Amino acid sequence: MTTATQLTRILVVEDEEAICEFIKEGLESYEKFLVDTVGDASAVEMARKNHYDLILADMHLADDLDALTIIERITEFDRDVRFIVMTGKKRLDVASKLVQAVKGSQVASFLFKPFDLEELYIAIVRACSC
């Protein structure tokens, strides 16, 4: 992953701009993270062009796109990146999909919205040892 002098690169895949801003500003205030944000399928191309240590992806995005599709597409060419999936839907069917995503994949964790910055920070540190 990263050494003490390197920044941990994070891509946030979220279609709600306010959440992107909260995460980006919050994480970059730690001065150890470099955060890019995107709200759609262009996340795959961003991940292809840049190496990210971690991708934080919303379970449900616009245009019937979801985190599991993003994860599947990115892991075809990057087997090192770790993922955290976030969702605001606390339903059994969503929880079941999240559990399936974690099994045998690079999904390190999932978060239920709303979460605070400390919860996110802890999840990131656990996911990528940064």
Protein backbone atom coordinates (compact mmCIF):
# COMPACT_ATOMS: atom_id res chain seq x y z
CA MET A 1 0.00 0.00 0.00
CA THR A 2 1.66 3.19 1.18
CA THR A 3 4.67 4.20 3.22
CA ALA A 4 4.69 6.85 5.91
CA THR A 5 5.58 9.57 3.41
CA GLN A 6 3.03 8.63 0.76
CA LEU A 7 -0.59 9.64 0.62
CA THR A 8 -3.25 6.95 0.48
CA ARG A 9 -5.18 7.42 -2.77
CA ILE A 10 -8.94 7.03 -2.41
CA LEU A 11 -11.66 7.16 -5.05
CA VAL A 12 -15.15 7.98 -3.81
CA VAL A 13 -17.92 6.75 -6.12
CA GLU A 14 -21.06 8.57 -4.98
CA ASP A 15 -23.73 10.40 -6.95
CA GLU A 16 -24.70 12.80 -4.15
CA GLU A 17 -22.41 15.81 -4.36
CA ALA A 18 -22.86 16.82 -0.72
CA ILE A 19 -21.69 13.40 0.46
CA CYS A 20 -18.69 13.55 -1.90
CA GLU A 21 -17.71 16.94 -0.49
CA PHE A 22 -18.13 15.77 3.12
CA ILE A 23 -15.94 12.72 2.53
CA LYS A 24 -13.28 14.52 0.47
CA GLU A 25 -12.90 17.48 2.82
CA GLY A 26 -13.06 15.30 5.91
CA LEU A 27 -10.49 12.76 4.78
CA GLU A 28 -8.09 15.29 3.30
CA SER A 29 -8.11 17.14 6.65
CA TYR A 30 -6.11 14.17 8.02
CA GLU A 31 -3.34 15.12 5.55
CA LYS A 32 -2.65 11.47 4.73
CA PHE A 33 -5.31 10.90 2.08
CA LEU A 34 -5.65 12.12 -1.49
CA VAL A 35 -9.30 11.85 -2.50
CA ASP A 36 -10.87 11.89 -5.97
CA THR A 37 -14.64 11.80 -6.43
CA VAL A 38 -16.91 10.63 -9.23
CA GLY A 39 -20.63 9.93 -9.43
CA ASP A 40 -20.99 7.49 -12.29
CA ALA A 41 -19.51 4.65 -14.35
CA SER A 42 -16.49 6.79 -15.26
CA ALA A 43 -15.11 5.45 -11.97
CA VAL A 44 -13.92 2.40 -13.90
CA GLU A 45 -11.85 4.51 -16.30
CA MET A 46 -10.48 6.61 -13.44
CA ALA A 47 -9.37 3.43 -11.68
CA ARG A 48 -7.79 2.18 -14.90
CA LYS A 49 -5.77 5.40 -15.30
CA ASN A 50 -4.83 5.91 -11.63
CA HIS A 51 -3.83 3.51 -8.91
CA TYR A 52 -6.12 3.78 -5.91
CA ASP A 53 -5.41 2.09 -2.60
CA LEU A 54 -9.10 2.15 -1.72
CA ILE A 55 -12.40 2.76 -3.46
CA LEU A 56 -15.37 3.86 -1.39
CA ALA A 57 -18.49 3.13 -3.45
CA ASP A 58 -22.17 3.79 -2.87
CA MET A 59 -24.27 0.66 -3.22
CA HIS A 60 -26.90 2.41 -5.36
CA LEU A 61 -25.92 5.01 -7.94
CA ALA A 62 -27.91 6.74 -10.65
CA ASP A 63 -28.89 4.96 -13.88
CA ASP A 64 -29.25 1.53 -12.23
CA LEU A 65 -25.51 1.39 -11.56
CA ASP A 66 -24.38 -0.14 -8.29
CA ALA A 67 -21.22 -0.71 -6.31
CA LEU A 68 -21.12 -4.41 -7.12
CA THR A 69 -20.93 -3.66 -10.86
CA ILE A 70 -18.17 -1.10 -10.25
CA ILE A 71 -16.26 -3.61 -8.11
CA GLU A 72 -16.62 -6.36 -10.70
CA ARG A 73 -15.36 -4.14 -13.53
CA ILE A 74 -12.41 -2.72 -11.60
CA THR A 75 -11.23 -6.05 -10.19
CA GLU A 76 -10.92 -7.36 -13.74
CA PHE A 77 -7.76 -5.24 -14.08
CA ASP A 78 -6.80 -4.32 -10.48
CA ARG A 79 -6.61 -7.11 -7.93
CA ASP A 80 -4.86 -4.96 -5.30
CA VAL A 81 -7.41 -2.24 -4.66
CA ARG A 82 -9.65 -2.61 -1.61
CA PHE A 83 -13.27 -1.49 -1.43
CA ILE A 84 -15.65 -0.16 1.17
CA VAL A 85 -19.31 -0.17 0.17
CA MET A 86 -21.70 2.35 1.68
CA THR A 87 -25.47 2.45 1.63
CA GLY A 88 -28.32 4.40 3.14
CA LYS A 89 -30.74 1.49 2.76
CA LYS A 90 -31.02 -0.65 5.85
CA ARG A 91 -33.04 -3.47 4.33
CA LEU A 92 -32.50 -7.21 4.43
CA ASP A 93 -32.05 -7.55 0.65
CA VAL A 94 -29.38 -4.83 0.63
CA ALA A 95 -27.61 -6.35 3.63
CA SER A 96 -27.64 -9.74 1.90
CA LYS A 97 -25.98 -8.23 -1.20
CA LEU A 98 -23.37 -6.56 0.98
CA VAL A 99 -22.53 -9.80 2.75
CA GLN A 100 -22.18 -11.56 -0.62
CA ALA A 101 -19.91 -8.76 -1.86
CA VAL A 102 -17.59 -9.22 1.11
CA LYS A 103 -17.25 -12.98 0.66
CA GLY A 104 -14.23 -13.86 -1.44
CA SER A 105 -13.66 -10.38 -2.79
CA GLN A 106 -11.68 -7.25 -2.18
CA VAL A 107 -14.54 -5.66 -0.24
CA ALA A 108 -13.08 -4.95 3.17
CA SER A 109 -16.11 -3.43 4.83
CA PHE A 110 -19.40 -1.65 4.44
CA LEU A 111 -20.89 1.39 6.10
CA PHE A 112 -24.50 2.40 6.63
CA LYS A 113 -25.28 6.08 6.02
CA PRO A 114 -25.31 8.35 7.80
CA PHE A 115 -21.85 7.73 9.24
CA ASP A 116 -19.44 10.15 10.83
CA LEU A 117 -15.90 10.90 9.80
CA GLU A 118 -14.39 8.85 12.63
CA GLU A 119 -16.33 5.72 11.54
CA LEU A 120 -15.13 6.21 7.98
CA TYR A 121 -11.54 6.78 9.08
CA ILE A 122 -11.53 3.59 11.15
CA ALA A 123 -12.98 1.57 8.24
CA ILE A 124 -10.33 2.94 5.88
CA VAL A 125 -7.45 2.22 8.24
CA ARG A 126 -8.71 -1.35 8.73
CA ALA A 127 -9.16 -1.83 4.99
CA CYS A 128 -5.78 -0.66 3.79
CA SER A 129 -3.44 -0.48 6.82
CA CYS A 130 -2.71 3.18 6.17
